[in-house]
Structure formats: structure tokens, C-alpha cells
Amino acid sequence: MDEQQRKIAEAKKQVKAMTGFYGHLAIYALVIGTLAVIDAFTGDSWWVQWPALGWGIGVLGHAIGVFGKTPAFLSNWQARKVHELANKN
């Protein structure tokens, strides 16, 4: 496999992962939206935030796994810590 074929294979893999994430996000929005409507018409207390929070953490993890980005505050902290430890010795 030459370099161009490898790049195409990696791009296809990334697009497939992104498509999976967007599908996950769409299903999350649909289900949580439906649960919010049900919650609005039943009972006195709100409970929809708990499945939204739990599943939302999973969606966030999926996004980080697909897009490979960590939140900016973590990246900045990591860079500062590496610099600090590298200059310590």
C-alpha cells in the first residue's frame, strides 16, 4: 500500500467514525427531547436531566474519541505541567 492509498484509507476510517458520532448525537437529541416532552406532561418533579447528563457524558467521550481533542483548559494545563516538569530537573 503506497502513501496515497494509506491516506485514503485513514480518511475513510475517520469519516466513518465521524458519521457514527453524528448518528449517536442525533439519537441522543431525539431520545432526550422525547423524554423531556414526556417529563413535561407527567409528574411534578423533573427527572430528564439525569439520563441527559449520563448519556451526555458518553456523547462527550465519543466526541473526544472521534475528533481527538481535549478541552482547551485541559490542554493548556497539560502543556504547562510538561513545561514545569521538564524545567524542574
PDB file of N, CA and C in Angstrom:
ATOM      1  N   MET A   1       0.851  -1.171   0.000  1.00  0.00           N
ATOM      2  CA  MET A   1       0.000   0.000   0.000  1.00  0.00           C
ATOM      3  C   MET A   1       0.899   1.237   0.000  1.00  0.00           C
ATOM      4  N   ASP A   2       0.696   2.095  -0.983  1.00  0.00           N
ATOM      5  CA  ASP A   2       1.511   3.305  -1.042  1.00  0.00           C
ATOM      6  C   ASP A   2       0.936   4.395  -0.133  1.00  0.00           C
ATOM      7  N   GLU A   3       1.636   5.497  -0.060  1.00  0.00           N
ATOM      8  CA  GLU A   3       1.279   6.586   0.852  1.00  0.00           C
ATOM      9  C   GLU A   3      -0.112   7.152   0.562  1.00  0.00           C
ATOM     10  N   GLN A   4      -0.433   7.333  -0.716  1.00  0.00           N
ATOM     11  CA  GLN A   4      -1.730   7.895  -1.086  1.00  0.00           C
ATOM     12  C   GLN A   4      -2.869   6.945  -0.697  1.00  0.00           C
ATOM     13  N   GLN A   5      -2.706   5.666  -0.902  1.00  0.00           N
ATOM     14  CA  GLN A   5      -3.727   4.694  -0.533  1.00  0.00           C
ATOM     15  C   GLN A   5      -3.911   4.651   0.991  1.00  0.00           C
ATOM     16  N   ARG A   6      -2.807   4.767   1.711  1.00  0.00           N
ATOM     17  CA  ARG A   6      -2.886   4.786   3.170  1.00  0.00           C
ATOM     18  C   ARG A   6      -3.653   6.003   3.658  1.00  0.00           C
ATOM     19  N   LYS A   7      -3.384   7.173   3.064  1.00  0.00           N
ATOM     20  CA  LYS A   7      -4.093   8.386   3.437  1.00  0.00           C
ATOM     21  C   LYS A   7      -5.586   8.271   3.146  1.00  0.00           C
ATOM     22  N   ILE A   8      -5.919   7.685   2.005  1.00  0.00           N
ATOM     23  CA  ILE A   8      -7.336   7.498   1.654  1.00  0.00           C
ATOM     24  C   ILE A   8      -8.004   6.543   2.627  1.00  0.00           C
ATOM     25  N   ALA A   9      -7.322   5.465   2.987  1.00  0.00           N
ATOM     26  CA  ALA A   9      -7.890   4.505   3.940  1.00  0.00           C
ATOM     27  C   ALA A   9      -8.105   5.163   5.306  1.00  0.00           C
ATOM     28  N   GLU A  10      -7.153   5.973   5.753  1.00  0.00           N
ATOM     29  CA  GLU A  10      -7.300   6.676   7.036  1.00  0.00           C
ATOM     30  C   GLU A  10      -8.440   7.689   6.975  1.00  0.00           C
ATOM     31  N   ALA A  11      -8.567   8.386   5.851  1.00  0.00           N
ATOM     32  CA  ALA A  11      -9.639   9.369   5.702  1.00  0.00           C
ATOM     33  C   ALA A  11     -11.000   8.677   5.727  1.00  0.00           C
ATOM     34  N   LYS A  12     -11.112   7.533   5.057  1.00  0.00           N
ATOM     35  CA  LYS A  12     -12.368   6.774   5.073  1.00  0.00           C
ATOM     36  C   LYS A  12     -12.711   6.314   6.481  1.00  0.00           C
ATOM     37  N   LYS A  13     -11.707   5.872   7.219  1.00  0.00           N
ATOM     38  CA  LYS A  13     -11.923   5.442   8.597  1.00  0.00           C
ATOM     39  C   LYS A  13     -12.393   6.605   9.462  1.00  0.00           C
ATOM     40  N   GLN A  14     -11.789   7.780   9.280  1.00  0.00           N
ATOM     41  CA  GLN A  14     -12.177   8.965  10.045  1.00  0.00           C
ATOM     42  C   GLN A  14     -13.605   9.392   9.707  1.00  0.00           C
ATOM     43  N   VAL A  15     -13.957   9.366   8.424  1.00  0.00           N
ATOM     44  CA  VAL A  15     -15.311   9.746   8.013  1.00  0.00           C
ATOM     45  C   VAL A  15     -16.328   8.769   8.591  1.00  0.00           C
ATOM     46  N   LYS A  16     -15.998   7.498   8.617  1.00  0.00           N
ATOM     47  CA  LYS A  16     -16.904   6.503   9.197  1.00  0.00           C
ATOM     48  C   LYS A  16     -17.093   6.757  10.693  1.00  0.00           C
ATOM     49  N   ALA A  17     -16.008   7.082  11.387  1.00  0.00           N
ATOM     50  CA  ALA A  17     -16.091   7.388  12.824  1.00  0.00           C
ATOM     51  C   ALA A  17     -16.919   8.645  13.062  1.00  0.00           C
ATOM     52  N   MET A  18     -16.730   9.666  12.238  1.00  0.00           N
ATOM     53  CA  MET A  18     -17.495  10.903  12.368  1.00  0.00           C
ATOM     54  C   MET A  18     -18.974  10.656  12.107  1.00  0.00           C
ATOM     55  N   THR A  19     -19.272   9.850  11.097  1.00  0.00           N
ATOM     56  CA  THR A  19     -20.664   9.512  10.792  1.00  0.00           C
ATOM     57  C   THR A  19     -21.296   8.784  11.971  1.00  0.00           C
ATOM     58  N   GLY A  20     -20.566   7.885  12.589  1.00  0.00           N
ATOM     59  CA  GLY A  20     -21.064   7.178  13.770  1.00  0.00           C
ATOM     60  C   GLY A  20     -21.338   8.136  14.914  1.00  0.00           C
ATOM     61  N   PHE A  21     -20.448   9.109  15.105  1.00  0.00           N
ATOM     62  CA  PHE A  21     -20.661  10.083  16.169  1.00  0.00           C
ATOM     63  C   PHE A  21     -21.897  10.922  15.900  1.00  0.00           C
ATOM     64  N   TYR A  22     -22.043  11.429  14.686  1.00  0.00           N
ATOM     65  CA  TYR A  22     -23.203  12.271  14.375  1.00  0.00           C
ATOM     66  C   TYR A  22     -24.510  11.485  14.499  1.00  0.00           C
ATOM     67  N   GLY A  23     -24.477  10.207  14.161  1.00  0.00           N
ATOM     68  CA  GLY A  23     -25.651   9.360  14.379  1.00  0.00           C
ATOM     69  C   GLY A  23     -25.957   9.232  15.861  1.00  0.00           C
ATOM     70  N   HIS A  24     -24.927   9.022  16.652  1.00  0.00           N
ATOM     71  CA  HIS A  24     -25.076   8.929  18.105  1.00  0.00           C
ATOM     72  C   HIS A  24     -25.661  10.226  18.665  1.00  0.00           C
ATOM     73  N   LEU A  25     -25.145  11.356  18.202  1.00  0.00           N
ATOM     74  CA  LEU A  25     -25.625  12.653  18.661  1.00  0.00           C
ATOM     75  C   LEU A  25     -27.086  12.879  18.268  1.00  0.00           C
ATOM     76  N   ALA A  26     -27.459  12.486  17.061  1.00  0.00           N
ATOM     77  CA  ALA A  26     -28.844  12.650  16.608  1.00  0.00           C
ATOM     78  C   ALA A  26     -29.797  11.790  17.433  1.00  0.00           C
ATOM     79  N   ILE A  27     -29.421  10.552  17.699  1.00  0.00           N
ATOM     80  CA  ILE A  27     -30.258   9.672  18.510  1.00  0.00           C
ATOM     81  C   ILE A  27     -30.369  10.220  19.930  1.00  0.00           C
ATOM     82  N   TYR A  28     -29.262  10.717  20.466  1.00  0.00           N
ATOM     83  CA  TYR A  28     -29.272  11.333  21.802  1.00  0.00           C
ATOM     84  C   TYR A  28     -30.277  12.483  21.843  1.00  0.00           C
ATOM     85  N   ALA A  29     -30.191  13.388  20.870  1.00  0.00           N
ATOM     86  CA  ALA A  29     -31.089  14.544  20.843  1.00  0.00           C
ATOM     87  C   ALA A  29     -32.544  14.105  20.701  1.00  0.00           C
ATOM     88  N   LEU A  30     -32.800  13.142  19.867  1.00  0.00           N
ATOM     89  CA  LEU A  30     -34.172  12.652  19.657  1.00  0.00           C
ATOM     90  C   LEU A  30     -34.732  12.018  20.927  1.00  0.00           C
ATOM     91  N   VAL A  31     -33.956  11.138  21.547  1.00  0.00           N
ATOM     92  CA  VAL A  31     -34.433  10.432  22.741  1.00  0.00           C
ATOM     93  C   VAL A  31     -34.578  11.396  23.921  1.00  0.00           C
ATOM     94  N   ILE A  32     -33.582  12.241  24.147  1.00  0.00           N
ATOM     95  CA  ILE A  32     -33.662  13.173  25.277  1.00  0.00           C
ATOM     96  C   ILE A  32     -34.786  14.185  25.040  1.00  0.00           C
ATOM     97  N   GLY A  33     -34.970  14.619  23.817  1.00  0.00           N
ATOM     98  CA  GLY A  33     -36.093  15.507  23.502  1.00  0.00           C
ATOM     99  C   GLY A  33     -37.427  14.848  23.787  1.00  0.00           C
ATOM    100  N   THR A  34     -37.564  13.590  23.387  1.00  0.00           N
ATOM    101  CA  THR A  34     -38.792  12.838  23.658  1.00  0.00           C
ATOM    102  C   THR A  34     -38.994  12.664  25.161  1.00  0.00           C
ATOM    103  N   LEU A  35     -37.935  12.327  25.871  1.00  0.00           N
ATOM    104  CA  LEU A  35     -38.041  12.179  27.326  1.00  0.00           C
ATOM    105  C   LEU A  35     -38.417  13.503  27.993  1.00  0.00           C
ATOM    106  N   ALA A  36     -37.904  14.610  27.471  1.00  0.00           N
ATOM    107  CA  ALA A  36     -38.231  15.920  28.044  1.00  0.00           C
ATOM    108  C   ALA A  36     -39.716  16.231  27.866  1.00  0.00           C
ATOM    109  N   VAL A  37     -40.250  15.882  26.702  1.00  0.00           N
ATOM    110  CA  VAL A  37     -41.685  16.096  26.471  1.00  0.00           C
ATOM    111  C   VAL A  37     -42.504  15.220  27.411  1.00  0.00           C
ATOM    112  N   ILE A  38     -42.121  13.968  27.532  1.00  0.00           N
ATOM    113  CA  ILE A  38     -42.835  13.067  28.458  1.00  0.00           C
ATOM    114  C   ILE A  38     -42.746  13.597  29.881  1.00  0.00           C
ATOM    115  N   ASP A  39     -41.556  14.039  30.264  1.00  0.00           N
ATOM    116  CA  ASP A  39     -41.353  14.561  31.610  1.00  0.00           C
ATOM    117  C   ASP A  39     -42.207  15.808  31.857  1.00  0.00           C
ATOM    118  N   ALA A  40     -42.367  16.642  30.834  1.00  0.00           N
ATOM    119  CA  ALA A  40     -43.149  17.867  30.985  1.00  0.00           C
ATOM    120  C   ALA A  40     -44.627  17.578  31.241  1.00  0.00           C
ATOM    121  N   PHE A  41     -45.118  16.486  30.686  1.00  0.00           N
ATOM    122  CA  PHE A  41     -46.541  16.172  30.806  1.00  0.00           C
ATOM    123  C   PHE A  41     -46.875  15.191  31.918  1.00  0.00           C
ATOM    124  N   THR A  42     -45.863  14.695  32.606  1.00  0.00           N
ATOM    125  CA  THR A  42     -46.126  13.736  33.685  1.00  0.00           C
ATOM    126  C   THR A  42     -45.409  14.149  34.945  1.00  0.00           C
ATOM    127  N   GLY A  43     -46.001  13.894  36.058  1.00  0.00           N
ATOM    128  CA  GLY A  43     -45.344  14.088  37.351  1.00  0.00           C
ATOM    129  C   GLY A  43     -45.069  15.534  37.717  1.00  0.00           C
ATOM    130  N   ASP A  44     -44.654  15.689  38.943  1.00  0.00           N
ATOM    131  CA  ASP A  44     -44.360  17.015  39.475  1.00  0.00           C
ATOM    132  C   ASP A  44     -42.878  17.352  39.442  1.00  0.00           C
ATOM    133  N   SER A  45     -42.041  16.361  39.463  1.00  0.00           N
ATOM    134  CA  SER A  45     -40.600  16.629  39.527  1.00  0.00           C
ATOM    135  C   SER A  45     -39.938  16.313  38.190  1.00  0.00           C
ATOM    136  N   TRP A  46     -38.853  17.048  37.933  1.00  0.00           N
ATOM    137  CA  TRP A  46     -38.085  16.817  36.706  1.00  0.00           C
ATOM    138  C   TRP A  46     -37.073  15.705  36.944  1.00  0.00           C
ATOM    139  N   TRP A  47     -37.002  14.771  36.022  1.00  0.00           N
ATOM    140  CA  TRP A  47     -36.039  13.674  36.105  1.00  0.00           C
ATOM    141  C   TRP A  47     -35.226  13.538  34.828  1.00  0.00           C
ATOM    142  N   VAL A  48     -35.627  14.243  33.774  1.00  0.00           N
ATOM    143  CA  VAL A  48     -34.983  14.057  32.473  1.00  0.00           C
ATOM    144  C   VAL A  48     -33.511  14.472  32.477  1.00  0.00           C
ATOM    145  N   GLN A  49     -33.114  15.343  33.391  1.00  0.00           N
ATOM    146  CA  GLN A  49     -31.721  15.791  33.412  1.00  0.00           C
ATOM    147  C   GLN A  49     -30.759  14.650  33.732  1.00  0.00           C
ATOM    148  N   TRP A  50     -31.224  13.645  34.464  1.00  0.00           N
ATOM    149  CA  TRP A  50     -30.319  12.552  34.846  1.00  0.00           C
ATOM    150  C   TRP A  50     -29.939  11.668  33.672  1.00  0.00           C
ATOM    151  N   PRO A  51     -30.897  11.190  32.863  1.00  0.00           N
ATOM    152  CA  PRO A  51     -30.451  10.452  31.676  1.00  0.00           C
ATOM    153  C   PRO A  51     -29.706  11.349  30.679  1.00  0.00           C
ATOM    154  N   ALA A  52     -30.105  12.627  30.610  1.00  0.00           N
ATOM    155  CA  ALA A  52     -29.400  13.549  29.709  1.00  0.00           C
ATOM    156  C   ALA A  52     -27.944  13.719  30.140  1.00  0.00           C
ATOM    157  N   LEU A  53     -27.729  13.858  31.435  1.00  0.00           N
ATOM    158  CA  LEU A  53     -26.364  14.014  31.949  1.00  0.00           C
ATOM    159  C   LEU A  53     -25.542  12.743  31.741  1.00  0.00           C
ATOM    160  N   GLY A  54     -26.100  11.615  32.124  1.00  0.00           N
ATOM    161  CA  GLY A  54     -25.372  10.351  31.986  1.00  0.00           C
ATOM    162  C   GLY A  54     -25.007  10.031  30.554  1.00  0.00           C
ATOM    163  N   TRP A  55     -25.996  10.108  29.685  1.00  0.00           N
ATOM    164  CA  TRP A  55     -25.759   9.814  28.279  1.00  0.00           C
ATOM    165  C   TRP A  55     -24.910  10.913  27.650  1.00  0.00           C
ATOM    166  N   GLY A  56     -25.091  12.151  28.101  1.00  0.00           N
ATOM    167  CA  GLY A  56     -24.301  13.265  27.578  1.00  0.00           C
ATOM    168  C   GLY A  56     -22.818  13.084  27.823  1.00  0.00           C
ATOM    169  N   ILE A  57     -22.470  12.525  28.973  1.00  0.00           N
ATOM    170  CA  ILE A  57     -21.068  12.222  29.251  1.00  0.00           C
ATOM    171  C   ILE A  57     -20.537  11.213  28.238  1.00  0.00           C
ATOM    172  N   GLY A  58     -21.364  10.228  27.912  1.00  0.00           N
ATOM    173  CA  GLY A  58     -20.975   9.254  26.893  1.00  0.00           C
ATOM    174  C   GLY A  58     -20.801   9.890  25.523  1.00  0.00           C
ATOM    175  N   VAL A  59     -21.694  10.809  25.167  1.00  0.00           N
ATOM    176  CA  VAL A  59     -21.590  11.510  23.883  1.00  0.00           C
ATOM    177  C   VAL A  59     -20.318  12.361  23.854  1.00  0.00           C
ATOM    178  N   LEU A  60     -20.025  13.029  24.961  1.00  0.00           N
ATOM    179  CA  LEU A  60     -18.792  13.820  25.042  1.00  0.00           C
ATOM    180  C   LEU A  60     -17.557  12.936  24.870  1.00  0.00           C
ATOM    181  N   GLY A  61     -17.558  11.788  25.537  1.00  0.00           N
ATOM    182  CA  GLY A  61     -16.444  10.848  25.378  1.00  0.00           C
ATOM    183  C   GLY A  61     -16.304  10.363  23.951  1.00  0.00           C
ATOM    184  N   HIS A  62     -17.437  10.106  23.309  1.00  0.00           N
ATOM    185  CA  HIS A  62     -17.426   9.677  21.914  1.00  0.00           C
ATOM    186  C   HIS A  62     -16.836  10.780  21.038  1.00  0.00           C
ATOM    187  N   ALA A  63     -17.234  12.030  21.285  1.00  0.00           N
ATOM    188  CA  ALA A  63     -16.715  13.161  20.507  1.00  0.00           C
ATOM    189  C   ALA A  63     -15.202  13.286  20.661  1.00  0.00           C
ATOM    190  N   ILE A  64     -14.727  13.177  21.889  1.00  0.00           N
ATOM    191  CA  ILE A  64     -13.283  13.271  22.122  1.00  0.00           C
ATOM    192  C   ILE A  64     -12.559  12.119  21.431  1.00  0.00           C
ATOM    193  N   GLY A  65     -13.154  10.928  21.479  1.00  0.00           N
ATOM    194  CA  GLY A  65     -12.544   9.787  20.808  1.00  0.00           C
ATOM    195  C   GLY A  65     -12.478   9.941  19.297  1.00  0.00           C
ATOM    196  N   VAL A  66     -13.504  10.528  18.713  1.00  0.00           N
ATOM    197  CA  VAL A  66     -13.553  10.684  17.260  1.00  0.00           C
ATOM    198  C   VAL A  66     -12.699  11.859  16.792  1.00  0.00           C
ATOM    199  N   PHE A  67     -12.853  12.984  17.457  1.00  0.00           N
ATOM    200  CA  PHE A  67     -12.182  14.188  16.999  1.00  0.00           C
ATOM    201  C   PHE A  67     -10.820  14.385  17.644  1.00  0.00           C
ATOM    202  N   GLY A  68     -10.541  13.608  18.689  1.00  0.00           N
ATOM    203  CA  GLY A  68      -9.220  13.619  19.294  1.00  0.00           C
ATOM    204  C   GLY A  68      -8.828  14.920  19.955  1.00  0.00           C
ATOM    205  N   LYS A  69      -9.805  15.658  20.403  1.00  0.00           N
ATOM    206  CA  LYS A  69      -9.494  16.938  21.034  1.00  0.00           C
ATOM    207  C   LYS A  69      -9.867  16.867  22.503  1.00  0.00           C
ATOM    208  N   THR A  70      -9.016  17.457  23.297  1.00  0.00           N
ATOM    209  CA  THR A  70      -9.351  17.601  24.707  1.00  0.00           C
ATOM    210  C   THR A  70      -9.776  19.045  24.911  1.00  0.00           C
ATOM    211  N   PRO A  71     -10.587  19.299  25.903  1.00  0.00           N
ATOM    212  CA  PRO A  71     -10.992  20.688  26.156  1.00  0.00           C
ATOM    213  C   PRO A  71      -9.781  21.589  26.350  1.00  0.00           C
ATOM    214  N   ALA A  72      -9.904  22.841  25.950  1.00  0.00           N
ATOM    215  CA  ALA A  72      -8.776  23.777  25.964  1.00  0.00           C
ATOM    216  C   ALA A  72      -8.153  23.917  27.348  1.00  0.00           C
ATOM    217  N   PHE A  73      -8.982  23.951  28.385  1.00  0.00           N
ATOM    218  CA  PHE A  73      -8.409  24.125  29.720  1.00  0.00           C
ATOM    219  C   PHE A  73      -7.537  22.946  30.115  1.00  0.00           C
ATOM    220  N   LEU A  74      -7.870  21.732  29.652  1.00  0.00           N
ATOM    221  CA  LEU A  74      -7.022  20.578  29.947  1.00  0.00           C
ATOM    222  C   LEU A  74      -5.736  20.616  29.131  1.00  0.00           C
ATOM    223  N   SER A  75      -5.851  20.983  27.856  1.00  0.00           N
ATOM    224  CA  SER A  75      -4.664  21.067  27.005  1.00  0.00           C
ATOM    225  C   SER A  75      -3.683  22.088  27.552  1.00  0.00           C
ATOM    226  N   ASN A  76      -4.192  23.246  27.949  1.00  0.00           N
ATOM    227  CA  ASN A  76      -3.314  24.287  28.497  1.00  0.00           C
ATOM    228  C   ASN A  76      -2.651  23.817  29.780  1.00  0.00           C
ATOM    229  N   TRP A  77      -3.412  23.163  30.635  1.00  0.00           N
ATOM    230  CA  TRP A  77      -2.853  22.659  31.883  1.00  0.00           C
ATOM    231  C   TRP A  77      -1.774  21.624  31.593  1.00  0.00           C
ATOM    232  N   GLN A  78      -2.054  20.716  30.651  1.00  0.00           N
ATOM    233  CA  GLN A  78      -1.081  19.681  30.315  1.00  0.00           C
ATOM    234  C   GLN A  78       0.208  20.302  29.780  1.00  0.00           C
ATOM    235  N   ALA A  79       0.093  21.283  28.907  1.00  0.00           N
ATOM    236  CA  ALA A  79       1.285  21.933  28.352  1.00  0.00           C
ATOM    237  C   ALA A  79       2.090  22.630  29.446  1.00  0.00           C
ATOM    238  N   ARG A  80       1.398  23.330  30.350  1.00  0.00           N
ATOM    239  CA  ARG A  80       2.099  23.996  31.450  1.00  0.00           C
ATOM    240  C   ARG A  80       2.791  22.991  32.351  1.00  0.00           C
ATOM    241  N   LYS A  81       2.111  21.876  32.638  1.00  0.00           N
ATOM    242  CA  LYS A  81       2.672  20.866  33.531  1.00  0.00           C
ATOM    243  C   LYS A  81       3.907  20.214  32.897  1.00  0.00           C
ATOM    244  N   VAL A  82       3.846  19.905  31.617  1.00  0.00           N
ATOM    245  CA  VAL A  82       5.002  19.319  30.924  1.00  0.00           C
ATOM    246  C   VAL A  82       6.173  20.288  30.981  1.00  0.00           C
ATOM    247  N   HIS A  83       5.910  21.553  30.698  1.00  0.00           N
ATOM    248  CA  HIS A  83       6.968  22.565  30.745  1.00  0.00           C
ATOM    249  C   HIS A  83       7.556  22.672  32.141  1.00  0.00           C
ATOM    250  N   GLU A  84       6.682  22.680  33.135  1.00  0.00           N
ATOM    251  CA  GLU A  84       7.130  22.777  34.536  1.00  0.00           C
ATOM    252  C   GLU A  84       8.009  21.602  34.923  1.00  0.00           C
ATOM    253  N   LEU A  85       7.565  20.388  34.587  1.00  0.00           N
ATOM    254  CA  LEU A  85       8.328  19.196  34.964  1.00  0.00           C
ATOM    255  C   LEU A  85       9.627  19.067  34.162  1.00  0.00           C
ATOM    256  N   ALA A  86       9.594  19.506  32.917  1.00  0.00           N
ATOM    257  CA  ALA A  86      10.810  19.440  32.088  1.00  0.00           C
ATOM    258  C   ALA A  86      11.874  20.389  32.605  1.00  0.00           C
ATOM    259  N   ASN A  87      11.456  21.534  33.122  1.00  0.00           N
ATOM    260  CA  ASN A  87      12.412  22.530  33.627  1.00  0.00           C
ATOM    261  C   ASN A  87      12.796  22.302  35.074  1.00  0.00           C
ATOM    262  N   LYS A  88      12.120  21.372  35.738  1.00  0.00           N
ATOM    263  CA  LYS A  88      12.381  21.115  37.152  1.00  0.00           C
ATOM    264  C   LYS A  88      13.731  20.416  37.338  1.00  0.00           C
ATOM    265  N   ASN A  89      14.069  19.525  36.451  1.00  0.00           N
ATOM    266  CA  ASN A  89      15.298  18.733  36.608  1.00  0.00           C
ATOM    267  C   ASN A  89      16.473  19.403  35.963  1.00  0.00           C
TER     268      ASN A  89
END
